[in-house]
Every structure is written in C-alpha cells, then in structure tokens.
PDB file of N, CA and C in Angstrom:
ATOM      1  N   UNK A   1      83.077-169.347  -2.348  1.00  0.00           N
ATOM      2  CA  UNK A   1      81.882-170.124  -2.518  1.00  0.00           C
ATOM      3  C   UNK A   1      82.191-171.497  -3.110  1.00  0.00           C
ATOM      4  N   UNK A   2      83.165-171.542  -4.027  1.00  0.00           N
ATOM      5  CA  UNK A   2      83.535-172.823  -4.637  1.00  0.00           C
ATOM      6  C   UNK A   2      84.122-173.772  -3.599  1.00  0.00           C
ATOM      7  N   UNK A   3      84.940-173.226  -2.696  1.00  0.00           N
ATOM      8  CA  UNK A   3      85.525-174.074  -1.654  1.00  0.00           C
ATOM      9  C   UNK A   3      84.447-174.620  -0.726  1.00  0.00           C
ATOM     10  N   UNK A   4      83.479-173.786  -0.383  1.00  0.00           N
ATOM     11  CA  UNK A   4      82.377-174.233   0.470  1.00  0.00           C
ATOM     12  C   UNK A   4      81.562-175.311  -0.249  1.00  0.00           C
ATOM     13  N   UNK A   5      81.358-175.141  -1.545  1.00  0.00           N
ATOM     14  CA  UNK A   5      80.642-176.156  -2.324  1.00  0.00           C
ATOM     15  C   UNK A   5      81.391-177.479  -2.303  1.00  0.00           C
ATOM     16  N   UNK A   6      82.718-177.417  -2.430  1.00  0.00           N
ATOM     17  CA  UNK A   6      83.531-178.633  -2.375  1.00  0.00           C
ATOM     18  C   UNK A   6      83.382-179.307  -1.017  1.00  0.00           C
ATOM     19  N   UNK A   7      83.368-178.520   0.038  1.00  0.00           N
ATOM     20  CA  UNK A   7      83.198-179.084   1.385  1.00  0.00           C
ATOM     21  C   UNK A   7      81.864-179.825   1.486  1.00  0.00           C
ATOM     22  N   UNK A   8      80.811-179.221   0.952  1.00  0.00           N
ATOM     23  CA  UNK A   8      79.491-179.866   1.002  1.00  0.00           C
ATOM     24  C   UNK A   8      79.437-181.103   0.108  1.00  0.00           C
ATOM     25  N   UNK A   9      80.082-181.055  -1.040  1.00  0.00           N
ATOM     26  CA  UNK A   9      80.011-182.206  -1.950  1.00  0.00           C
ATOM     27  C   UNK A   9      80.816-183.394  -1.428  1.00  0.00           C
ATOM     28  N   UNK A  10      81.831-183.124  -0.603  1.00  0.00           N
ATOM     29  CA  UNK A  10      82.675-184.201  -0.077  1.00  0.00           C
ATOM     30  C   UNK A  10      82.418-184.505   1.399  1.00  0.00           C
ATOM     31  N   UNK A  11      81.607-183.681   2.046  1.00  0.00           N
ATOM     32  CA  UNK A  11      81.335-183.896   3.466  1.00  0.00           C
ATOM     33  C   UNK A  11      82.523-183.549   4.346  1.00  0.00           C
ATOM     34  N   UNK A  12      83.257-182.500   3.993  1.00  0.00           N
ATOM     35  CA  UNK A  12      84.428-182.078   4.764  1.00  0.00           C
ATOM     36  C   UNK A  12      84.000-181.019   5.771  1.00  0.00           C
ATOM     37  N   UNK A  13      83.916-181.407   7.041  1.00  0.00           N
ATOM     38  CA  UNK A  13      83.546-180.471   8.091  1.00  0.00           C
ATOM     39  C   UNK A  13      82.054-180.171   8.163  1.00  0.00           C
ATOM     40  N   UNK A  14      81.306-180.652   7.211  1.00  0.00           N
ATOM     41  CA  UNK A  14      79.849-180.476   7.176  1.00  0.00           C
ATOM     42  C   UNK A  14      79.237-181.775   6.667  1.00  0.00           C
ATOM     43  N   UNK A  15      77.943-181.923   6.863  1.00  0.00           N
ATOM     44  CA  UNK A  15      77.267-183.102   6.311  1.00  0.00           C
ATOM     45  C   UNK A  15      77.298-183.032   4.791  1.00  0.00           C
ATOM     46  N   UNK A  16      77.533-184.161   4.149  1.00  0.00           N
ATOM     47  CA  UNK A  16      77.557-184.191   2.689  1.00  0.00           C
ATOM     48  C   UNK A  16      76.176-183.815   2.165  1.00  0.00           C
ATOM     49  N   UNK A  17      76.154-182.870   1.221  1.00  0.00           N
ATOM     50  CA  UNK A  17      74.892-182.376   0.679  1.00  0.00           C
ATOM     51  C   UNK A  17      75.131-181.933  -0.766  1.00  0.00           C
ATOM     52  N   UNK A  18      74.893-182.849  -1.712  1.00  0.00           N
ATOM     53  CA  UNK A  18      75.139-182.558  -3.125  1.00  0.00           C
ATOM     54  C   UNK A  18      74.245-181.438  -3.651  1.00  0.00           C
ATOM     55  N   UNK A  19      73.008-181.377  -3.172  1.00  0.00           N
ATOM     56  CA  UNK A  19      72.099-180.320  -3.629  1.00  0.00           C
ATOM     57  C   UNK A  19      72.616-178.945  -3.209  1.00  0.00           C
ATOM     58  N   UNK A  20      73.104-178.846  -1.975  1.00  0.00           N
ATOM     59  CA  UNK A  20      73.646-177.569  -1.499  1.00  0.00           C
ATOM     60  C   UNK A  20      74.923-177.216  -2.265  1.00  0.00           C
ATOM     61  N   UNK A  21      75.768-178.218  -2.517  1.00  0.00           N
ATOM     62  CA  UNK A  21      76.991-177.979  -3.289  1.00  0.00           C
ATOM     63  C   UNK A  21      76.656-177.453  -4.680  1.00  0.00           C
ATOM     64  N   UNK A  22      75.668-178.061  -5.322  1.00  0.00           N
ATOM     65  CA  UNK A  22      75.251-177.624  -6.654  1.00  0.00           C
ATOM     66  C   UNK A  22      74.734-176.193  -6.614  1.00  0.00           C
ATOM     67  N   UNK A  23      73.919-175.877  -5.622  1.00  0.00           N
ATOM     68  CA  UNK A  23      73.382-174.524  -5.497  1.00  0.00           C
ATOM     69  C   UNK A  23      74.492-173.497  -5.293  1.00  0.00           C
ATOM     70  N   UNK A  24      75.480-173.826  -4.463  1.00  0.00           N
ATOM     71  CA  UNK A  24      76.602-172.913  -4.222  1.00  0.00           C
ATOM     72  C   UNK A  24      77.432-172.698  -5.487  1.00  0.00           C
ATOM     73  N   UNK A  25      77.669-173.772  -6.234  1.00  0.00           N
ATOM     74  CA  UNK A  25      78.441-173.641  -7.472  1.00  0.00           C
ATOM     75  C   UNK A  25      77.698-172.787  -8.493  1.00  0.00           C
ATOM     76  N   UNK A  26      76.396-172.964  -8.565  1.00  0.00           N
ATOM     77  CA  UNK A  26      75.616-172.139  -9.506  1.00  0.00           C
ATOM     78  C   UNK A  26      75.626-170.679  -9.086  1.00  0.00           C
ATOM     79  N   UNK A  27      75.560-170.409  -7.764  1.00  0.00           N
ATOM     80  CA  UNK A  27      75.642-169.023  -7.292  1.00  0.00           C
ATOM     81  C   UNK A  27      76.993-168.416  -7.662  1.00  0.00           C
ATOM     82  N   UNK A  28      78.057-169.190  -7.490  1.00  0.00           N
ATOM     83  CA  UNK A  28      79.396-168.704  -7.847  1.00  0.00           C
ATOM     84  C   UNK A  28      79.473-168.421  -9.344  1.00  0.00           C
ATOM     85  N   UNK A  29      78.923-169.317 -10.136  1.00  0.00           N
ATOM     86  CA  UNK A  29      78.934-169.135 -11.586  1.00  0.00           C
ATOM     87  C   UNK A  29      78.130-167.897 -11.980  1.00  0.00           C
ATOM     88  N   UNK A  30      76.947-167.739 -11.387  1.00  0.00           N
ATOM     89  CA  UNK A  30      76.111-166.574 -11.691  1.00  0.00           C
ATOM     90  C   UNK A  30      76.789-165.271 -11.294  1.00  0.00           C
ATOM     91  N   UNK A  31      77.622-165.336 -10.248  1.00  0.00           N
ATOM     92  CA  UNK A  31      78.342-164.148  -9.784  1.00  0.00           C
ATOM     93  C   UNK A  31      79.575-163.850 -10.638  1.00  0.00           C
ATOM     94  N   UNK A  32      79.863-164.729 -11.595  1.00  0.00           N
ATOM     95  CA  UNK A  32      80.981-164.485 -12.498  1.00  0.00           C
ATOM     96  C   UNK A  32      82.277-165.138 -12.097  1.00  0.00           C
ATOM     97  N   UNK A  33      82.275-165.969 -11.083  1.00  0.00           N
ATOM     98  CA  UNK A  33      83.492-166.651 -10.644  1.00  0.00           C
ATOM     99  C   UNK A  33      83.885-167.691 -11.698  1.00  0.00           C
ATOM    100  N   UNK A  34      85.063-167.526 -12.292  1.00  0.00           N
ATOM    101  CA  UNK A  34      85.480-168.410 -13.393  1.00  0.00           C
ATOM    102  C   UNK A  34      85.488-169.873 -12.974  1.00  0.00           C
ATOM    103  N   UNK A  35      86.052-170.178 -11.812  1.00  0.00           N
ATOM    104  CA  UNK A  35      86.072-171.563 -11.355  1.00  0.00           C
ATOM    105  C   UNK A  35      84.660-172.063 -11.082  1.00  0.00           C
ATOM    106  N   UNK A  36      83.797-171.181 -10.623  1.00  0.00           N
ATOM    107  CA  UNK A  36      82.406-171.555 -10.403  1.00  0.00           C
ATOM    108  C   UNK A  36      81.733-171.945 -11.700  1.00  0.00           C
ATOM    109  N   UNK A  37      82.028-171.214 -12.775  1.00  0.00           N
ATOM    110  CA  UNK A  37      81.453-171.547 -14.077  1.00  0.00           C
ATOM    111  C   UNK A  37      81.931-172.920 -14.537  1.00  0.00           C
ATOM    112  N   UNK A  38      83.196-173.190 -14.313  1.00  0.00           N
ATOM    113  CA  UNK A  38      83.745-174.479 -14.729  1.00  0.00           C
ATOM    114  C   UNK A  38      83.180-175.604 -13.886  1.00  0.00           C
ATOM    115  N   UNK A  39      83.178-175.412 -12.573  1.00  0.00           N
ATOM    116  CA  UNK A  39      82.767-176.484 -11.681  1.00  0.00           C
ATOM    117  C   UNK A  39      81.257-176.622 -11.566  1.00  0.00           C
ATOM    118  N   UNK A  40      80.520-175.578 -11.930  1.00  0.00           N
ATOM    119  CA  UNK A  40      79.058-175.660 -11.842  1.00  0.00           C
ATOM    120  C   UNK A  40      78.530-176.768 -12.729  1.00  0.00           C
ATOM    121  N   UNK A  41      79.259-177.093 -13.753  1.00  0.00           N
ATOM    122  CA  UNK A  41      78.795-178.143 -14.657  1.00  0.00           C
ATOM    123  C   UNK A  41      79.027-179.532 -14.079  1.00  0.00           C
ATOM    124  N   UNK A  42      79.942-179.683 -13.132  1.00  0.00           N
ATOM    125  CA  UNK A  42      80.304-181.021 -12.659  1.00  0.00           C
ATOM    126  C   UNK A  42      79.136-181.814 -12.099  1.00  0.00           C
ATOM    127  N   UNK A  43      78.318-181.248 -11.197  1.00  0.00           N
ATOM    128  CA  UNK A  43      77.207-182.062 -10.703  1.00  0.00           C
ATOM    129  C   UNK A  43      76.149-182.317 -11.769  1.00  0.00           C
ATOM    130  N   UNK A  44      76.076-181.451 -12.767  1.00  0.00           N
ATOM    131  CA  UNK A  44      74.986-181.547 -13.731  1.00  0.00           C
ATOM    132  C   UNK A  44      74.998-182.848 -14.535  1.00  0.00           C
ATOM    133  N   UNK A  45      76.104-183.211 -15.189  1.00  0.00           N
ATOM    134  CA  UNK A  45      76.066-184.459 -15.943  1.00  0.00           C
ATOM    135  C   UNK A  45      75.910-185.684 -15.052  1.00  0.00           C
ATOM    136  N   UNK A  46      76.472-185.620 -13.848  1.00  0.00           N
ATOM    137  CA  UNK A  46      76.410-186.764 -12.944  1.00  0.00           C
ATOM    138  C   UNK A  46      75.058-186.885 -12.271  1.00  0.00           C
ATOM    139  N   UNK A  47      74.290-185.817 -12.273  1.00  0.00           N
ATOM    140  CA  UNK A  47      72.994-185.830 -11.621  1.00  0.00           C
ATOM    141  C   UNK A  47      73.076-185.671 -10.115  1.00  0.00           C
ATOM    142  N   UNK A  48      74.245-185.361  -9.578  1.00  0.00           N
ATOM    143  CA  UNK A  48      74.391-185.178  -8.131  1.00  0.00           C
ATOM    144  C   UNK A  48      73.715-183.871  -7.742  1.00  0.00           C
ATOM    145  N   UNK A  49      72.692-183.971  -6.952  1.00  0.00           N
ATOM    146  CA  UNK A  49      71.994-182.778  -6.495  1.00  0.00           C
ATOM    147  C   UNK A  49      70.954-182.270  -7.468  1.00  0.00           C
ATOM    148  N   UNK A  50      70.888-182.842  -8.640  1.00  0.00           N
ATOM    149  CA  UNK A  50      69.908-182.418  -9.637  1.00  0.00           C
ATOM    150  C   UNK A  50      69.874-183.460 -10.752  1.00  0.00           C
ATOM    151  N   UNK A  51      68.910-183.345 -11.618  1.00  0.00           N
ATOM    152  CA  UNK A  51      68.838-184.262 -12.753  1.00  0.00           C
ATOM    153  C   UNK A  51      69.967-183.939 -13.729  1.00  0.00           C
ATOM    154  N   UNK A  52      70.546-184.939 -14.387  1.00  0.00           N
ATOM    155  CA  UNK A  52      71.607-184.666 -15.365  1.00  0.00           C
ATOM    156  C   UNK A  52      71.126-183.707 -16.451  1.00  0.00           C
ATOM    157  N   UNK A  53      71.963-182.751 -16.803  1.00  0.00           N
ATOM    158  CA  UNK A  53      71.612-181.768 -17.822  1.00  0.00           C
ATOM    159  C   UNK A  53      72.875-181.372 -18.574  1.00  0.00           C
ATOM    160  N   UNK A  54      73.211-182.137 -19.599  1.00  0.00           N
ATOM    161  CA  UNK A  54      74.432-181.887 -20.365  1.00  0.00           C
ATOM    162  C   UNK A  54      74.395-180.552 -21.095  1.00  0.00           C
ATOM    163  N   UNK A  55      73.220-180.159 -21.564  1.00  0.00           N
ATOM    164  CA  UNK A  55      73.108-178.871 -22.251  1.00  0.00           C
ATOM    165  C   UNK A  55      73.457-177.716 -21.340  1.00  0.00           C
ATOM    166  N   UNK A  56      72.959-177.756 -20.113  1.00  0.00           N
ATOM    167  CA  UNK A  56      73.275-176.724 -19.118  1.00  0.00           C
ATOM    168  C   UNK A  56      74.761-176.771 -18.770  1.00  0.00           C
ATOM    169  N   UNK A  57      75.299-177.967 -18.675  1.00  0.00           N
ATOM    170  CA  UNK A  57      76.722-178.121 -18.376  1.00  0.00           C
ATOM    171  C   UNK A  57      77.571-177.457 -19.457  1.00  0.00           C
ATOM    172  N   UNK A  58      77.228-177.703 -20.706  1.00  0.00           N
ATOM    173  CA  UNK A  58      77.989-177.125 -21.824  1.00  0.00           C
ATOM    174  C   UNK A  58      77.888-175.598 -21.807  1.00  0.00           C
ATOM    175  N   UNK A  59      76.729-175.077 -21.443  1.00  0.00           N
ATOM    176  CA  UNK A  59      76.556-173.615 -21.366  1.00  0.00           C
ATOM    177  C   UNK A  59      77.587-173.011 -20.414  1.00  0.00           C
ATOM    178  N   UNK A  60      77.711-173.597 -19.212  1.00  0.00           N
ATOM    179  CA  UNK A  60      78.657-173.069 -18.232  1.00  0.00           C
ATOM    180  C   UNK A  60      80.096-173.318 -18.652  1.00  0.00           C
ATOM    181  N   UNK A  61      80.357-174.457 -19.257  1.00  0.00           N
ATOM    182  CA  UNK A  61      81.719-174.743 -19.727  1.00  0.00           C
ATOM    183  C   UNK A  61      82.161-173.731 -20.772  1.00  0.00           C
ATOM    184  N   UNK A  62      81.262-173.412 -21.703  1.00  0.00           N
ATOM    185  CA  UNK A  62      81.620-172.464 -22.765  1.00  0.00           C
ATOM    186  C   UNK A  62      81.951-171.093 -22.177  1.00  0.00           C
ATOM    187  N   UNK A  63      81.175-170.645 -21.203  1.00  0.00           N
ATOM    188  CA  UNK A  63      81.445-169.342 -20.578  1.00  0.00           C
ATOM    189  C   UNK A  63      82.827-169.351 -19.935  1.00  0.00           C
ATOM    190  N   UNK A  64      83.129-170.389 -19.162  1.00  0.00           N
ATOM    191  CA  UNK A  64      84.431-170.470 -18.493  1.00  0.00           C
ATOM    192  C   UNK A  64      85.558-170.671 -19.501  1.00  0.00           C
ATOM    193  N   UNK A  65      85.315-171.482 -20.528  1.00  0.00           N
ATOM    194  CA  UNK A  65      86.338-171.721 -21.556  1.00  0.00           C
ATOM    195  C   UNK A  65      86.679-170.429 -22.291  1.00  0.00           C
ATOM    196  N   UNK A  66      85.661-169.638 -22.607  1.00  0.00           N
ATOM    197  CA  UNK A  66      85.892-168.361 -23.287  1.00  0.00           C
ATOM    198  C   UNK A  66      86.657-167.375 -22.411  1.00  0.00           C
ATOM    199  N   UNK A  67      86.571-167.549 -21.090  1.00  0.00           N
ATOM    200  CA  UNK A  67      87.312-166.698 -20.150  1.00  0.00           C
ATOM    201  C   UNK A  67      88.729-167.217 -19.905  1.00  0.00           C
ATOM    202  N   UNK A  68      89.074-168.376 -20.505  1.00  0.00           N
ATOM    203  CA  UNK A  68      90.443-168.876 -20.405  1.00  0.00           C
ATOM    204  C   UNK A  68      90.672-170.016 -19.431  1.00  0.00           C
ATOM    205  N   UNK A  69      89.625-170.606 -18.872  1.00  0.00           N
ATOM    206  CA  UNK A  69      89.817-171.732 -17.955  1.00  0.00           C
ATOM    207  C   UNK A  69      90.247-172.972 -18.732  1.00  0.00           C
ATOM    208  N   UNK A  70      91.456-173.452 -18.445  1.00  0.00           N
ATOM    209  CA  UNK A  70      91.959-174.655 -19.122  1.00  0.00           C
ATOM    210  C   UNK A  70      91.101-175.872 -18.786  1.00  0.00           C
ATOM    211  N   UNK A  71      90.638-175.969 -17.539  1.00  0.00           N
ATOM    212  CA  UNK A  71      89.761-177.080 -17.161  1.00  0.00           C
ATOM    213  C   UNK A  71      88.497-177.076 -18.007  1.00  0.00           C
ATOM    214  N   UNK A  72      87.888-175.897 -18.140  1.00  0.00           N
ATOM    215  CA  UNK A  72      86.659-175.783 -18.919  1.00  0.00           C
ATOM    216  C   UNK A  72      86.926-176.075 -20.394  1.00  0.00           C
ATOM    217  N   UNK A  73      88.044-175.584 -20.913  1.00  0.00           N
ATOM    218  CA  UNK A  73      88.371-175.844 -22.317  1.00  0.00           C
ATOM    219  C   UNK A  73      88.523-177.338 -22.572  1.00  0.00           C
ATOM    220  N   UNK A  74      89.221-178.020 -21.675  1.00  0.00           N
ATOM    221  CA  UNK A  74      89.397-179.460 -21.833  1.00  0.00           C
ATOM    222  C   UNK A  74      88.047-180.177 -21.751  1.00  0.00           C
ATOM    223  N   UNK A  75      87.250-179.835 -20.742  1.00  0.00           N
ATOM    224  CA  UNK A  75      85.969-180.508 -20.558  1.00  0.00           C
ATOM    225  C   UNK A  75      84.978-180.187 -21.666  1.00  0.00           C
ATOM    226  N   UNK A  76      85.060-178.991 -22.228  1.00  0.00           N
ATOM    227  CA  UNK A  76      84.220-178.660 -23.371  1.00  0.00           C
ATOM    228  C   UNK A  76      84.648-179.499 -24.576  1.00  0.00           C
ATOM    229  N   UNK A  77      85.956-179.643 -24.764  1.00  0.00           N
ATOM    230  CA  UNK A  77      86.458-180.511 -25.828  1.00  0.00           C
ATOM    231  C   UNK A  77      85.988-181.941 -25.646  1.00  0.00           C
ATOM    232  N   UNK A  78      86.013-182.409 -24.421  1.00  0.00           N
ATOM    233  CA  UNK A  78      85.540-183.758 -24.119  1.00  0.00           C
ATOM    234  C   UNK A  78      84.047-183.893 -24.419  1.00  0.00           C
ATOM    235  N   UNK A  79      83.286-182.850 -24.112  1.00  0.00           N
ATOM    236  CA  UNK A  79      81.850-182.868 -24.416  1.00  0.00           C
ATOM    237  C   UNK A  79      81.614-183.001 -25.917  1.00  0.00           C
ATOM    238  N   UNK A  80      82.392-182.261 -26.717  1.00  0.00           N
ATOM    239  CA  UNK A  80      82.262-182.371 -28.177  1.00  0.00           C
ATOM    240  C   UNK A  80      82.725-183.741 -28.664  1.00  0.00           C
ATOM    241  N   UNK A  81      83.730-184.287 -28.039  1.00  0.00           N
ATOM    242  CA  UNK A  81      84.223-185.619 -28.421  1.00  0.00           C
ATOM    243  C   UNK A  81      83.165-186.692 -28.157  1.00  0.00           C
ATOM    244  N   UNK A  82      82.520-186.610 -26.998  1.00  0.00           N
ATOM    245  CA  UNK A  82      81.540-187.617 -26.596  1.00  0.00           C
ATOM    246  C   UNK A  82      80.126-187.324 -27.084  1.00  0.00           C
ATOM    247  N   UNK A  83      79.876-186.075 -27.475  1.00  0.00           N
ATOM    248  CA  UNK A  83      78.523-185.696 -27.874  1.00  0.00           C
ATOM    249  C   UNK A  83      77.606-185.491 -26.687  1.00  0.00           C
ATOM    250  N   UNK A  84      78.154-185.050 -25.567  1.00  0.00           N
ATOM    251  CA  UNK A  84      77.361-184.797 -24.364  1.00  0.00           C
ATOM    252  C   UNK A  84      76.912-183.336 -24.334  1.00  0.00           C
ATOM    253  N   UNK A  85      75.638-183.100 -24.588  1.00  0.00           N
ATOM    254  CA  UNK A  85      75.092-181.750 -24.578  1.00  0.00           C
ATOM    255  C   UNK A  85      75.269-180.996 -25.868  1.00  0.00           C
ATOM    256  N   UNK A  86      76.011-181.565 -26.783  1.00  0.00           N
ATOM    257  CA  UNK A  86      76.262-180.975 -28.105  1.00  0.00           C
ATOM    258  C   UNK A  86      76.372-182.110 -29.116  1.00  0.00           C
ATOM    259  N   UNK A  87      76.267-181.772 -30.391  1.00  0.00           N
ATOM    260  CA  UNK A  87      76.492-182.781 -31.426  1.00  0.00           C
ATOM    261  C   UNK A  87      77.971-183.157 -31.435  1.00  0.00           C
ATOM    262  N   UNK A  88      78.267-184.427 -31.664  1.00  0.00           N
ATOM    263  CA  UNK A  88      79.669-184.857 -31.743  1.00  0.00           C
ATOM    264  C   UNK A  88      80.368-184.071 -32.844  1.00  0.00           C
ATOM    265  N   UNK A  89      81.544-183.579 -32.527  1.00  0.00           N
ATOM    266  CA  UNK A  89      82.326-182.812 -33.487  1.00  0.00           C
ATOM    267  C   UNK A  89      83.804-183.005 -33.157  1.00  0.00           C
ATOM    268  N   UNK A  90      84.437-184.029 -33.761  1.00  0.00           N
ATOM    269  CA  UNK A  90      85.837-184.320 -33.436  1.00  0.00           C
ATOM    270  C   UNK A  90      86.786-183.145 -33.676  1.00  0.00           C
ATOM    271  N   UNK A  91      86.551-182.366 -34.724  1.00  0.00           N
ATOM    272  CA  UNK A  91      87.441-181.242 -35.021  1.00  0.00           C
ATOM    273  C   UNK A  91      87.337-180.169 -33.933  1.00  0.00           C
ATOM    274  N   UNK A  92      86.112-179.858 -33.539  1.00  0.00           N
ATOM    275  CA  UNK A  92      85.917-178.861 -32.490  1.00  0.00           C
ATOM    276  C   UNK A  92      86.428-179.386 -31.149  1.00  0.00           C
ATOM    277  N   UNK A  93      86.254-180.665 -30.901  1.00  0.00           N
ATOM    278  CA  UNK A  93      86.784-181.279 -29.681  1.00  0.00           C
ATOM    279  C   UNK A  93      88.292-181.078 -29.609  1.00  0.00           C
ATOM    280  N   UNK A  94      88.964-181.375 -30.702  1.00  0.00           N
ATOM    281  CA  UNK A  94      90.419-181.238 -30.742  1.00  0.00           C
ATOM    282  C   UNK A  94      90.850-179.784 -30.569  1.00  0.00           C
ATOM    283  N   UNK A  95      90.114-178.855 -31.186  1.00  0.00           N
ATOM    284  CA  UNK A  95      90.442-177.429 -31.039  1.00  0.00           C
ATOM    285  C   UNK A  95      90.412-176.997 -29.573  1.00  0.00           C
ATOM    286  N   UNK A  96      89.345-177.379 -28.852  1.00  0.00           N
ATOM    287  CA  UNK A  96      89.226-176.982 -27.452  1.00  0.00           C
ATOM    288  C   UNK A  96      90.292-177.645 -26.596  1.00  0.00           C
ATOM    289  N   UNK A  97      90.576-178.905 -26.851  1.00  0.00           N
ATOM    290  CA  UNK A  97      91.593-179.603 -26.059  1.00  0.00           C
ATOM    291  C   UNK A  97      92.974-179.000 -26.314  1.00  0.00           C
ATOM    292  N   UNK A  98      93.254-178.621 -27.559  1.00  0.00           N
ATOM    293  CA  UNK A  98      94.532-177.970 -27.876  1.00  0.00           C
ATOM    294  C   UNK A  98      94.657-176.614 -27.181  1.00  0.00           C
ATOM    295  N   UNK A  99      93.537-175.886 -27.050  1.00  0.00           N
ATOM    296  CA  UNK A  99      93.578-174.599 -26.341  1.00  0.00           C
ATOM    297  C   UNK A  99      93.941-174.801 -24.872  1.00  0.00           C
ATOM    298  N   UNK A 100      93.470-175.895 -24.290  1.00  0.00           N
ATOM    299  CA  UNK A 100      93.714-176.167 -22.877  1.00  0.00           C
ATOM    300  C   UNK A 100      95.132-176.656 -22.611  1.00  0.00           C
ATOM    301  N   UNK A 101      95.708-177.353 -23.553  1.00  0.00           N
ATOM    302  CA  UNK A 101      96.985-178.045 -23.340  1.00  0.00           C
ATOM    303  C   UNK A 101      98.124-177.150 -22.832  1.00  0.00           C
ATOM    304  N   UNK A 102      98.350-175.983 -23.403  1.00  0.00           N
ATOM    305  CA  UNK A 102      99.483-175.173 -22.928  1.00  0.00           C
ATOM    306  C   UNK A 102      99.360-174.726 -21.473  1.00  0.00           C
ATOM    307  N   UNK A 103      98.145-174.636 -20.961  1.00  0.00           N
ATOM    308  CA  UNK A 103      97.945-174.164 -19.591  1.00  0.00           C
ATOM    309  C   UNK A 103      97.701-175.298 -18.609  1.00  0.00           C
ATOM    310  N   UNK A 104      97.709-176.524 -19.089  1.00  0.00           N
ATOM    311  CA  UNK A 104      97.507-177.664 -18.184  1.00  0.00           C
ATOM    312  C   UNK A 104      98.706-177.774 -17.251  1.00  0.00           C
ATOM    313  N   UNK A 105      98.448-178.147 -16.026  1.00  0.00           N
ATOM    314  CA  UNK A 105      99.546-178.326 -15.078  1.00  0.00           C
ATOM    315  C   UNK A 105     100.205-179.669 -15.326  1.00  0.00           C
ATOM    316  N   UNK A 106     101.382-179.842 -14.805  1.00  0.00           N
ATOM    317  CA  UNK A 106     102.068-181.124 -14.971  1.00  0.00           C
ATOM    318  C   UNK A 106     101.283-182.237 -14.316  1.00  0.00           C
ATOM    319  N   UNK A 107     100.517-181.915 -13.281  1.00  0.00           N
ATOM    320  CA  UNK A 107      99.665-182.910 -12.621  1.00  0.00           C
ATOM    321  C   UNK A 107      98.613-183.433 -13.587  1.00  0.00           C
ATOM    322  N   UNK A 108      98.168-182.576 -14.519  1.00  0.00           N
ATOM    323  CA  UNK A 108      97.110-182.945 -15.454  1.00  0.00           C
ATOM    324  C   UNK A 108      97.609-183.743 -16.656  1.00  0.00           C
ATOM    325  N   UNK A 109      98.906-183.707 -16.886  1.00  0.00           N
ATOM    326  CA  UNK A 109      99.447-184.332 -18.094  1.00  0.00           C
ATOM    327  C   UNK A 109      99.754-185.794 -17.857  1.00  0.00           C
ATOM    328  N   UNK A 110      99.542-186.590 -18.899  1.00  0.00           N
ATOM    329  CA  UNK A 110      99.873-188.023 -18.815  1.00  0.00           C
ATOM    330  C   UNK A 110     101.383-188.167 -18.806  1.00  0.00           C
ATOM    331  N   UNK A 111     101.899-189.171 -18.105  1.00  0.00           N
ATOM    332  CA  UNK A 111     103.347-189.382 -18.106  1.00  0.00           C
ATOM    333  C   UNK A 111     103.854-189.752 -19.501  1.00  0.00           C
ATOM    334  N   UNK A 112     105.024-189.276 -19.827  1.00  0.00           N
ATOM    335  CA  UNK A 112     105.616-189.584 -21.129  1.00  0.00           C
ATOM    336  C   UNK A 112     105.948-191.077 -21.193  1.00  0.00           C
ATOM    337  N   UNK A 113     105.788-191.654 -22.370  1.00  0.00           N
ATOM    338  CA  UNK A 113     106.082-193.088 -22.528  1.00  0.00           C
ATOM    339  C   UNK A 113     107.195-193.288 -23.504  1.00  0.00           C
TER     340      UNK A 113
END
C-alpha cells in the first residue's frame, strides 16, 4: 500500500493524486504497517491532500518511532526541535535523534568533514 501511495503522490504510472496517496498511507498506518505509520505523517504537515495537521503527524510518528522506525524517530526528534505538533523540547529532540542515529543508513548520514 505504501508503494502504491508513493506512485500516486509522484504520478508514477498513474495520475498524480495527493489525496489518494494520503488515504492509502493512512490505510497502511491503520493496518499496522510500520512504514505506513512513518510516511502517513508526510502529507499532513505539508498539507498535500489534506489540511496541515502537525498534531496528527506527531501521533503517527510516535507510533512508528516506538516500533523502531529510524525515520520516524528522526522526524519525531525534528518535530520536538521545531515545535511542530508538540511543545519545543531540545532535550527530547536530541533523545529521539540519538535513537535513530545507529540505524540510519549511510545514505542518510552527512559526509564527514
């Protein structure tokens, strides 16, 4: 379902439809798909396919982060850093980002300087 949502959000092989992509991601999240929980929040803050809802985004991020998704942990940390959907909390932001760091892929890491 997540792959189909990506196809709709990018217009790959189908007409681009952000609302349909959002609906598919929410269905995946509701069904317990970890990546769906993480990605379901993506259209929400941007307002693609729906009105921006940072609180709803944080809800899905927390579920995926608690299940071990490094993407969700990082994005939840970023939410706490920026105060999007939650009160700003630098300490909690750092905690979540540190949890994500060991599982981040080399593609996700900044080049060493």
